[in-house]
Amino acid sequence: MNNNQAMEVYRYHLEPGGVFACGEPAMVSAVLGTCVAVCLHDRRLKIGGMNHFLYPKPKTFGRPTAQYATVSLPALIRMLQKQGSRLEDLEAQIFGGGEHVGIIGSDRLGEKNVKMARKLLKKNGIRVVSEDVGGLKGRRLIFHTGTNEALVMKTHRIRRGDYYPYRQRIGA
């Protein structure tokens, strides 16, 4: 393996309702408003993953999908365990959970998402080492699964194009 190959990492943009874990170093990005992303890193194996959920838990008759923290976070933990991670080696970072100003019916969704993330992590004995949550701004997040480094860029408004930063125009 040459130096260029050693430096290569996968790049992946995680859309809402997505879960990503990889045994190789990867740069995972997401755009967050009221949504929350939990980044997990295995200190021993130097691997990690990230989820991106929209809601804390399904309504009574809601279909359980990865859009919900109660589905998404356990799925991320299981994915890392299948790659050899142990709960005691995992550490978490929580991002997002902002609030929309002036939106009727937002019902403090961002705050509820953050609370559910913390609750599920505590239930699994996973320590939170960092968080950047709440507030009134959106976030663009880039997480390196191998080093547990995260870059957060706050923005006043999230544009449609922010959700798909790696797509190129056809014919460009």
N, C-alpha and C. Protein backbone atom coordinates (compact mmCIF):
# COMPACT_ATOMS: atom_id res chain seq x y z
N MET A 1 0.84 -1.17 0.00
CA MET A 1 0.00 0.00 0.00
C MET A 1 0.88 1.24 0.00
N ASN A 2 0.62 2.15 -0.92
CA ASN A 2 1.40 3.39 -0.95
C ASN A 2 0.77 4.44 -0.04
N ASN A 3 1.45 5.57 0.11
CA ASN A 3 0.97 6.62 1.01
C ASN A 3 -0.39 7.18 0.61
N ASN A 4 -0.63 7.31 -0.70
CA ASN A 4 -1.93 7.82 -1.15
C ASN A 4 -3.06 6.88 -0.77
N GLN A 5 -2.84 5.58 -0.88
CA GLN A 5 -3.88 4.62 -0.50
C GLN A 5 -4.12 4.67 1.00
N ALA A 6 -3.09 4.85 1.78
CA ALA A 6 -3.24 4.89 3.23
C ALA A 6 -4.04 6.12 3.66
N MET A 7 -3.97 7.19 2.88
CA MET A 7 -4.67 8.42 3.21
C MET A 7 -6.13 8.42 2.74
N GLU A 8 -6.49 7.52 1.83
CA GLU A 8 -7.83 7.51 1.28
C GLU A 8 -8.85 7.11 2.34
N VAL A 9 -9.97 7.79 2.31
CA VAL A 9 -11.09 7.42 3.17
C VAL A 9 -12.35 7.46 2.34
N TYR A 10 -13.33 6.64 2.74
CA TYR A 10 -14.63 6.69 2.09
C TYR A 10 -15.29 8.01 2.44
N ARG A 11 -16.08 8.54 1.52
CA ARG A 11 -16.87 9.75 1.77
C ARG A 11 -18.33 9.39 1.55
N TYR A 12 -19.15 9.75 2.52
CA TYR A 12 -20.55 9.39 2.43
C TYR A 12 -21.40 10.50 3.03
N HIS A 13 -22.47 10.88 2.35
CA HIS A 13 -23.41 11.87 2.87
C HIS A 13 -24.63 11.14 3.41
N LEU A 14 -24.91 11.33 4.67
CA LEU A 14 -26.00 10.63 5.34
C LEU A 14 -27.26 11.49 5.34
N GLU A 15 -28.26 11.02 4.65
CA GLU A 15 -29.52 11.73 4.58
C GLU A 15 -30.38 11.41 5.81
N PRO A 16 -31.42 12.21 6.07
CA PRO A 16 -32.29 11.93 7.22
C PRO A 16 -32.86 10.51 7.15
N GLY A 17 -32.82 9.82 8.29
CA GLY A 17 -33.28 8.44 8.35
C GLY A 17 -32.19 7.45 7.99
N GLY A 18 -30.96 7.90 7.85
CA GLY A 18 -29.86 7.02 7.46
C GLY A 18 -29.02 6.58 8.65
N VAL A 19 -28.39 5.43 8.48
CA VAL A 19 -27.46 4.88 9.47
C VAL A 19 -26.24 4.39 8.71
N PHE A 20 -25.04 4.73 9.19
CA PHE A 20 -23.81 4.36 8.49
C PHE A 20 -22.77 3.87 9.51
N ALA A 21 -22.18 2.73 9.24
CA ALA A 21 -21.05 2.22 10.03
C ALA A 21 -20.08 1.57 9.05
N CYS A 22 -18.79 1.71 9.34
CA CYS A 22 -17.80 1.19 8.42
C CYS A 22 -16.56 0.75 9.19
N GLY A 23 -15.99 -0.38 8.78
CA GLY A 23 -14.77 -0.89 9.39
C GLY A 23 -13.52 -0.21 8.86
N GLU A 24 -13.68 0.65 7.86
CA GLU A 24 -12.58 1.42 7.28
C GLU A 24 -12.80 2.89 7.63
N PRO A 25 -11.75 3.69 7.64
CA PRO A 25 -11.94 5.12 7.89
C PRO A 25 -12.88 5.74 6.86
N ALA A 26 -13.75 6.61 7.34
CA ALA A 26 -14.72 7.26 6.46
C ALA A 26 -15.01 8.67 6.95
N MET A 27 -15.33 9.53 6.00
CA MET A 27 -15.79 10.88 6.31
C MET A 27 -17.29 10.87 6.02
N VAL A 28 -18.08 11.07 7.05
CA VAL A 28 -19.53 11.04 6.91
C VAL A 28 -20.06 12.44 7.18
N SER A 29 -20.92 12.91 6.31
CA SER A 29 -21.47 14.26 6.49
C SER A 29 -22.99 14.19 6.63
N ALA A 30 -23.55 15.24 7.22
CA ALA A 30 -25.00 15.36 7.36
C ALA A 30 -25.32 16.84 7.52
N VAL A 31 -26.56 17.19 7.21
CA VAL A 31 -27.08 18.53 7.43
C VAL A 31 -28.21 18.40 8.42
N LEU A 32 -28.12 19.17 9.52
CA LEU A 32 -29.05 19.00 10.64
C LEU A 32 -29.78 20.29 10.97
N GLY A 33 -31.07 20.16 11.20
CA GLY A 33 -31.89 21.24 11.75
C GLY A 33 -32.38 20.76 13.10
N THR A 34 -33.64 20.32 13.15
CA THR A 34 -34.16 19.71 14.38
C THR A 34 -33.67 18.27 14.51
N CYS A 35 -33.20 17.70 13.41
CA CYS A 35 -32.68 16.33 13.42
C CYS A 35 -31.45 16.24 14.32
N VAL A 36 -31.13 15.02 14.70
CA VAL A 36 -29.94 14.76 15.51
C VAL A 36 -29.09 13.70 14.82
N ALA A 37 -27.79 13.87 14.91
CA ALA A 37 -26.84 12.85 14.48
C ALA A 37 -26.05 12.42 15.71
N VAL A 38 -25.96 11.11 15.91
CA VAL A 38 -25.11 10.56 16.96
C VAL A 38 -23.94 9.89 16.26
N CYS A 39 -22.73 10.32 16.62
CA CYS A 39 -21.52 9.73 16.06
C CYS A 39 -20.93 8.81 17.12
N LEU A 40 -20.73 7.55 16.78
CA LEU A 40 -20.12 6.59 17.69
C LEU A 40 -18.73 6.23 17.19
N HIS A 41 -17.80 6.09 18.13
CA HIS A 41 -16.42 5.75 17.79
C HIS A 41 -15.94 4.67 18.75
N ASP A 42 -15.30 3.66 18.21
CA ASP A 42 -14.71 2.60 19.01
C ASP A 42 -13.24 2.95 19.24
N ARG A 43 -12.91 3.27 20.49
CA ARG A 43 -11.54 3.68 20.83
C ARG A 43 -10.52 2.57 20.57
N ARG A 44 -10.93 1.33 20.74
CA ARG A 44 -10.02 0.20 20.59
C ARG A 44 -9.78 -0.15 19.12
N LEU A 45 -10.85 -0.27 18.35
CA LEU A 45 -10.74 -0.68 16.95
C LEU A 45 -10.53 0.47 15.98
N LYS A 46 -10.73 1.70 16.45
CA LYS A 46 -10.59 2.90 15.60
C LYS A 46 -11.55 2.86 14.42
N ILE A 47 -12.81 2.45 14.70
CA ILE A 47 -13.87 2.47 13.69
C ILE A 47 -15.04 3.24 14.27
N GLY A 48 -16.00 3.54 13.43
CA GLY A 48 -17.15 4.27 13.94
C GLY A 48 -18.28 4.33 12.95
N GLY A 49 -19.27 5.11 13.32
CA GLY A 49 -20.44 5.27 12.48
C GLY A 49 -21.28 6.44 12.95
N MET A 50 -22.35 6.69 12.20
CA MET A 50 -23.21 7.82 12.51
C MET A 50 -24.64 7.51 12.09
N ASN A 51 -25.60 8.02 12.85
CA ASN A 51 -26.99 7.97 12.43
C ASN A 51 -27.49 9.39 12.24
N HIS A 52 -28.68 9.53 11.66
CA HIS A 52 -29.27 10.84 11.39
C HIS A 52 -30.78 10.64 11.49
N PHE A 53 -31.35 10.99 12.65
CA PHE A 53 -32.78 10.73 12.83
C PHE A 53 -33.58 12.02 12.97
N LEU A 54 -34.88 11.91 12.64
CA LEU A 54 -35.77 13.05 12.60
C LEU A 54 -36.67 13.16 13.83
N TYR A 55 -37.00 12.03 14.45
CA TYR A 55 -37.97 12.01 15.54
C TYR A 55 -37.47 11.12 16.68
N PRO A 56 -37.92 11.38 17.91
CA PRO A 56 -37.46 10.55 19.03
C PRO A 56 -37.98 9.12 18.98
N LYS A 57 -39.28 8.95 18.74
CA LYS A 57 -39.86 7.60 18.70
C LYS A 57 -41.12 7.63 17.86
N PRO A 58 -41.53 6.47 17.33
CA PRO A 58 -42.74 6.44 16.50
C PRO A 58 -43.98 6.73 17.33
N LYS A 59 -44.98 7.27 16.68
CA LYS A 59 -46.29 7.42 17.32
C LYS A 59 -46.85 6.02 17.58
N THR A 60 -47.95 5.94 18.25
CA THR A 60 -48.54 4.65 18.62
C THR A 60 -48.63 3.70 17.43
N PHE A 61 -49.09 4.19 16.30
CA PHE A 61 -49.26 3.32 15.14
C PHE A 61 -48.24 3.60 14.04
N GLY A 62 -47.19 4.32 14.38
CA GLY A 62 -46.17 4.64 13.40
C GLY A 62 -45.32 3.44 13.03
N ARG A 63 -44.88 3.42 11.80
CA ARG A 63 -44.02 2.34 11.32
C ARG A 63 -42.60 2.59 11.82
N PRO A 64 -42.01 1.65 12.55
CA PRO A 64 -40.66 1.87 13.09
C PRO A 64 -39.59 1.81 12.00
N THR A 65 -39.01 2.97 11.71
CA THR A 65 -37.94 3.05 10.72
C THR A 65 -36.77 3.81 11.34
N ALA A 66 -35.69 3.91 10.62
CA ALA A 66 -34.50 4.60 11.12
C ALA A 66 -34.70 6.12 11.19
N GLN A 67 -35.87 6.61 10.85
CA GLN A 67 -36.17 8.02 11.05
C GLN A 67 -36.33 8.33 12.54
N TYR A 68 -36.48 7.28 13.35
CA TYR A 68 -36.71 7.43 14.78
C TYR A 68 -35.47 7.01 15.57
N ALA A 69 -35.16 7.78 16.62
CA ALA A 69 -33.99 7.47 17.47
C ALA A 69 -34.08 6.07 18.06
N THR A 70 -35.28 5.65 18.46
CA THR A 70 -35.44 4.34 19.10
C THR A 70 -35.17 3.17 18.16
N VAL A 71 -35.11 3.43 16.88
CA VAL A 71 -34.75 2.41 15.89
C VAL A 71 -33.32 2.64 15.40
N SER A 72 -33.02 3.89 15.09
CA SER A 72 -31.75 4.26 14.47
C SER A 72 -30.53 4.00 15.35
N LEU A 73 -30.58 4.43 16.61
CA LEU A 73 -29.41 4.27 17.47
C LEU A 73 -29.12 2.81 17.81
N PRO A 74 -30.14 2.01 18.18
CA PRO A 74 -29.84 0.59 18.39
C PRO A 74 -29.29 -0.10 17.13
N ALA A 75 -29.78 0.33 15.96
CA ALA A 75 -29.27 -0.25 14.70
C ALA A 75 -27.79 0.10 14.52
N LEU A 76 -27.42 1.34 14.80
CA LEU A 76 -26.02 1.75 14.68
C LEU A 76 -25.14 0.97 15.65
N ILE A 77 -25.59 0.81 16.87
CA ILE A 77 -24.83 0.04 17.86
C ILE A 77 -24.65 -1.40 17.40
N ARG A 78 -25.72 -2.03 16.90
CA ARG A 78 -25.63 -3.42 16.41
C ARG A 78 -24.66 -3.53 15.23
N MET A 79 -24.68 -2.54 14.33
CA MET A 79 -23.79 -2.57 13.17
C MET A 79 -22.33 -2.55 13.62
N LEU A 80 -22.03 -1.74 14.63
CA LEU A 80 -20.65 -1.68 15.12
C LEU A 80 -20.29 -2.94 15.89
N GLN A 81 -21.23 -3.50 16.64
CA GLN A 81 -20.97 -4.74 17.36
C GLN A 81 -20.69 -5.89 16.39
N LYS A 82 -21.35 -5.90 15.25
CA LYS A 82 -21.10 -6.94 14.25
C LYS A 82 -19.68 -6.84 13.69
N GLN A 83 -19.08 -5.65 13.82
CA GLN A 83 -17.71 -5.46 13.35
C GLN A 83 -16.70 -5.65 14.48
N GLY A 84 -17.18 -6.09 15.66
CA GLY A 84 -16.28 -6.40 16.76
C GLY A 84 -16.26 -5.40 17.90
N SER A 85 -17.04 -4.33 17.81
CA SER A 85 -17.05 -3.32 18.88
C SER A 85 -17.75 -3.88 20.13
N ARG A 86 -17.25 -3.42 21.28
CA ARG A 86 -17.88 -3.71 22.57
C ARG A 86 -18.44 -2.40 23.11
N LEU A 87 -19.55 -2.47 23.82
CA LEU A 87 -20.18 -1.26 24.34
C LEU A 87 -19.21 -0.42 25.17
N GLU A 88 -18.39 -1.09 25.96
CA GLU A 88 -17.47 -0.35 26.84
C GLU A 88 -16.37 0.40 26.07
N ASP A 89 -16.18 0.08 24.78
CA ASP A 89 -15.17 0.76 23.97
C ASP A 89 -15.75 1.91 23.15
N LEU A 90 -17.08 2.05 23.17
CA LEU A 90 -17.72 3.08 22.36
C LEU A 90 -17.85 4.39 23.12
N GLU A 91 -17.67 5.49 22.39
CA GLU A 91 -17.94 6.81 22.93
C GLU A 91 -18.76 7.57 21.89
N ALA A 92 -19.56 8.53 22.37
CA ALA A 92 -20.52 9.20 21.50
C ALA A 92 -20.31 10.71 21.46
N GLN A 93 -20.70 11.27 20.33
CA GLN A 93 -20.84 12.71 20.17
C GLN A 93 -22.24 12.95 19.62
N ILE A 94 -22.91 13.98 20.12
CA ILE A 94 -24.28 14.29 19.71
C ILE A 94 -24.30 15.67 19.06
N PHE A 95 -24.97 15.77 17.91
CA PHE A 95 -25.05 17.02 17.17
C PHE A 95 -26.47 17.28 16.69
N GLY A 96 -26.83 18.55 16.58
CA GLY A 96 -28.13 18.94 16.02
C GLY A 96 -29.14 19.30 17.08
N GLY A 97 -30.39 19.03 16.78
CA GLY A 97 -31.45 19.31 17.73
C GLY A 97 -31.78 20.78 17.87
N GLY A 98 -31.55 21.54 16.81
CA GLY A 98 -31.89 22.96 16.84
C GLY A 98 -33.39 23.14 16.77
N GLU A 99 -33.85 24.35 16.99
CA GLU A 99 -35.28 24.65 16.95
C GLU A 99 -35.56 25.64 15.83
N HIS A 100 -36.72 25.48 15.21
CA HIS A 100 -37.15 26.41 14.19
C HIS A 100 -37.88 27.56 14.86
N VAL A 101 -37.48 28.77 14.56
CA VAL A 101 -38.12 29.95 15.14
C VAL A 101 -39.41 30.23 14.39
N GLY A 102 -40.49 30.43 15.15
CA GLY A 102 -41.75 30.85 14.56
C GLY A 102 -42.53 29.79 13.83
N ILE A 103 -42.12 28.53 13.93
CA ILE A 103 -42.89 27.47 13.27
C ILE A 103 -43.90 26.93 14.27
N ILE A 104 -45.17 27.07 13.92
CA ILE A 104 -46.23 26.61 14.81
C ILE A 104 -46.25 25.09 14.79
N GLY A 105 -46.33 24.50 15.96
CA GLY A 105 -46.41 23.05 16.05
C GLY A 105 -45.06 22.36 16.06
N SER A 106 -43.95 23.10 16.14
CA SER A 106 -42.64 22.44 16.17
C SER A 106 -42.49 21.64 17.45
N ASP A 107 -43.19 22.05 18.53
CA ASP A 107 -43.29 21.26 19.76
C ASP A 107 -41.94 20.87 20.34
N ARG A 108 -40.93 21.74 20.19
CA ARG A 108 -39.60 21.52 20.75
C ARG A 108 -39.01 20.17 20.29
N LEU A 109 -39.20 19.88 19.03
CA LEU A 109 -38.77 18.61 18.46
C LEU A 109 -37.27 18.39 18.61
N GLY A 110 -36.48 19.41 18.34
CA GLY A 110 -35.03 19.27 18.47
C GLY A 110 -34.63 18.87 19.87
N GLU A 111 -35.20 19.51 20.86
CA GLU A 111 -34.90 19.20 22.27
C GLU A 111 -35.30 17.76 22.61
N LYS A 112 -36.45 17.33 22.11
CA LYS A 112 -36.90 15.95 22.37
C LYS A 112 -35.96 14.93 21.71
N ASN A 113 -35.47 15.26 20.52
CA ASN A 113 -34.53 14.37 19.84
C ASN A 113 -33.24 14.21 20.64
N VAL A 114 -32.72 15.33 21.16
CA VAL A 114 -31.49 15.29 21.94
C VAL A 114 -31.70 14.48 23.22
N LYS A 115 -32.80 14.71 23.90
CA LYS A 115 -33.10 13.97 25.14
C LYS A 115 -33.17 12.46 24.89
N MET A 116 -33.78 12.07 23.78
CA MET A 116 -33.89 10.64 23.47
C MET A 116 -32.51 10.06 23.16
N ALA A 117 -31.68 10.79 22.44
CA ALA A 117 -30.32 10.31 22.15
C ALA A 117 -29.57 10.06 23.45
N ARG A 118 -29.62 11.04 24.36
CA ARG A 118 -28.92 10.90 25.65
C ARG A 118 -29.46 9.70 26.44
N LYS A 119 -30.78 9.54 26.45
CA LYS A 119 -31.41 8.44 27.19
C LYS A 119 -30.96 7.08 26.65
N LEU A 120 -30.96 6.93 25.32
CA LEU A 120 -30.57 5.65 24.72
C LEU A 120 -29.08 5.35 24.93
N LEU A 121 -28.25 6.38 24.86
CA LEU A 121 -26.82 6.18 25.09
C LEU A 121 -26.57 5.78 26.54
N LYS A 122 -27.22 6.44 27.46
CA LYS A 122 -27.07 6.10 28.88
C LYS A 122 -27.53 4.67 29.14
N LYS A 123 -28.67 4.29 28.55
CA LYS A 123 -29.20 2.93 28.72
C LYS A 123 -28.19 1.87 28.26
N ASN A 124 -27.41 2.20 27.23
CA ASN A 124 -26.42 1.26 26.70
C ASN A 124 -25.03 1.44 27.33
N GLY A 125 -24.91 2.34 28.26
CA GLY A 125 -23.63 2.55 28.94
C GLY A 125 -22.58 3.20 28.07
N ILE A 126 -23.01 4.00 27.09
CA ILE A 126 -22.07 4.66 26.18
C ILE A 126 -21.89 6.11 26.64
N ARG A 127 -20.66 6.48 26.89
CA ARG A 127 -20.31 7.81 27.39
C ARG A 127 -20.37 8.85 26.28
N VAL A 128 -20.98 9.98 26.58
CA VAL A 128 -21.00 11.11 25.65
C VAL A 128 -19.77 11.97 25.94
N VAL A 129 -18.89 12.12 24.95
CA VAL A 129 -17.66 12.88 25.14
C VAL A 129 -17.74 14.30 24.59
N SER A 130 -18.76 14.56 23.76
CA SER A 130 -18.88 15.89 23.17
C SER A 130 -20.29 16.04 22.62
N GLU A 131 -20.77 17.27 22.64
CA GLU A 131 -22.04 17.55 21.96
C GLU A 131 -22.11 19.01 21.56
N ASP A 132 -22.82 19.25 20.48
CA ASP A 132 -23.11 20.60 20.01
C ASP A 132 -24.58 20.54 19.60
N VAL A 133 -25.47 20.95 20.51
CA VAL A 133 -26.90 20.75 20.32
C VAL A 133 -27.69 22.02 20.64
N GLY A 134 -28.92 22.04 20.17
CA GLY A 134 -29.84 23.13 20.47
C GLY A 134 -29.56 24.38 19.67
N GLY A 135 -30.14 25.47 20.13
CA GLY A 135 -29.95 26.74 19.45
C GLY A 135 -30.90 26.93 18.29
N LEU A 136 -30.65 27.97 17.53
CA LEU A 136 -31.56 28.35 16.44
C LEU A 136 -30.93 28.22 15.06
N LYS A 137 -29.72 27.68 14.98
CA LYS A 137 -29.05 27.55 13.69
C LYS A 137 -28.99 26.10 13.25
N GLY A 138 -28.94 25.92 11.94
CA GLY A 138 -28.72 24.60 11.39
C GLY A 138 -27.24 24.27 11.45
N ARG A 139 -26.92 23.02 11.21
CA ARG A 139 -25.52 22.57 11.26
C ARG A 139 -25.20 21.71 10.05
N ARG A 140 -24.00 21.91 9.56
CA ARG A 140 -23.40 20.99 8.59
C ARG A 140 -22.33 20.25 9.36
N LEU A 141 -22.37 18.95 9.33
CA LEU A 141 -21.49 18.11 10.14
C LEU A 141 -20.65 17.21 9.24
N ILE A 142 -19.37 17.11 9.56
CA ILE A 142 -18.49 16.13 8.92
C ILE A 142 -17.80 15.38 10.04
N PHE A 143 -17.91 14.05 10.01
CA PHE A 143 -17.37 13.19 11.06
C PHE A 143 -16.40 12.19 10.46
N HIS A 144 -15.22 12.06 11.06
CA HIS A 144 -14.23 11.07 10.63
C HIS A 144 -14.34 9.87 11.56
N THR A 145 -14.77 8.75 11.02
CA THR A 145 -15.04 7.56 11.85
C THR A 145 -13.79 6.96 12.47
N GLY A 146 -12.65 7.13 11.84
CA GLY A 146 -11.42 6.52 12.34
C GLY A 146 -10.74 7.31 13.45
N THR A 147 -10.92 8.64 13.45
CA THR A 147 -10.23 9.49 14.42
C THR A 147 -11.16 10.09 15.47
N ASN A 148 -12.47 9.99 15.25
CA ASN A 148 -13.48 10.57 16.13
C ASN A 148 -13.45 12.09 16.10
N GLU A 149 -12.95 12.67 15.02
CA GLU A 149 -12.93 14.12 14.87
C GLU A 149 -14.20 14.56 14.13
N ALA A 150 -14.75 15.69 14.58
CA ALA A 150 -15.95 16.22 13.95
C ALA A 150 -15.77 17.70 13.66
N LEU A 151 -16.29 18.11 12.53
CA LEU A 151 -16.30 19.51 12.14
C LEU A 151 -17.75 19.93 12.02
N VAL A 152 -18.12 21.00 12.75
CA VAL A 152 -19.48 21.51 12.72
C VAL A 152 -19.45 22.93 12.18
N MET A 153 -20.25 23.17 11.16
CA MET A 153 -20.39 24.51 10.61
C MET A 153 -21.84 24.93 10.83
N LYS A 154 -22.04 26.02 11.54
CA LYS A 154 -23.40 26.49 11.81
C LYS A 154 -23.83 27.45 10.71
N THR A 155 -25.12 27.42 10.40
CA THR A 155 -25.65 28.24 9.34
C THR A 155 -27.01 28.81 9.74
N HIS A 156 -27.29 30.00 9.26
CA HIS A 156 -28.57 30.64 9.57
C HIS A 156 -29.72 29.95 8.86
N ARG A 157 -29.46 29.47 7.66
CA ARG A 157 -30.54 28.80 6.94
C ARG A 157 -29.97 27.63 6.15
N ILE A 158 -30.75 26.61 6.07
CA ILE A 158 -30.36 25.40 5.34
C ILE A 158 -31.07 25.45 3.99
N ARG A 159 -30.28 25.34 2.95
CA ARG A 159 -30.82 25.36 1.60
C ARG A 159 -30.97 23.93 1.08
N ARG A 160 -31.85 23.76 0.12
CA ARG A 160 -32.11 22.44 -0.45
C ARG A 160 -30.81 21.77 -0.92
N GLY A 161 -29.90 22.52 -1.52
CA GLY A 161 -28.65 21.98 -2.03
C GLY A 161 -27.70 21.51 -0.93
N ASP A 162 -27.91 21.98 0.30
CA ASP A 162 -27.05 21.55 1.40
C ASP A 162 -27.22 20.07 1.72
N TYR A 163 -28.37 19.52 1.40
CA TYR A 163 -28.62 18.12 1.74
C TYR A 163 -27.88 17.15 0.83
N TYR A 164 -27.45 17.62 -0.34
CA TYR A 164 -26.78 16.73 -1.29
C TYR A 164 -25.49 17.37 -1.78
N PRO A 165 -24.53 17.59 -0.89
CA PRO A 165 -23.34 18.35 -1.28
C PRO A 165 -22.43 17.64 -2.27
N TYR A 166 -22.55 16.34 -2.43
CA TYR A 166 -21.60 15.63 -3.29
C TYR A 166 -22.18 15.28 -4.65
N ARG A 167 -23.43 15.63 -4.88
CA ARG A 167 -24.02 15.36 -6.18
C ARG A 167 -23.58 16.43 -7.17
N GLN A 168 -23.23 15.97 -8.34
CA GLN A 168 -22.82 16.92 -9.39
C GLN A 168 -23.93 17.01 -10.42
N ARG A 169 -24.01 18.16 -11.04
CA ARG A 169 -25.00 18.32 -12.09
C ARG A 169 -24.62 17.44 -13.27
N ILE A 170 -25.60 16.82 -13.87
CA ILE A 170 -25.37 15.99 -15.06
C ILE A 170 -25.02 16.91 -16.23
N GLY A 171 -23.97 16.58 -16.93
CA GLY A 171 -23.55 17.36 -18.08
C GLY A 171 -22.67 18.55 -17.71
N ALA A 172 -22.33 18.65 -16.43
CA ALA A 172 -21.50 19.79 -16.02
C ALA A 172 -20.04 19.51 -16.31
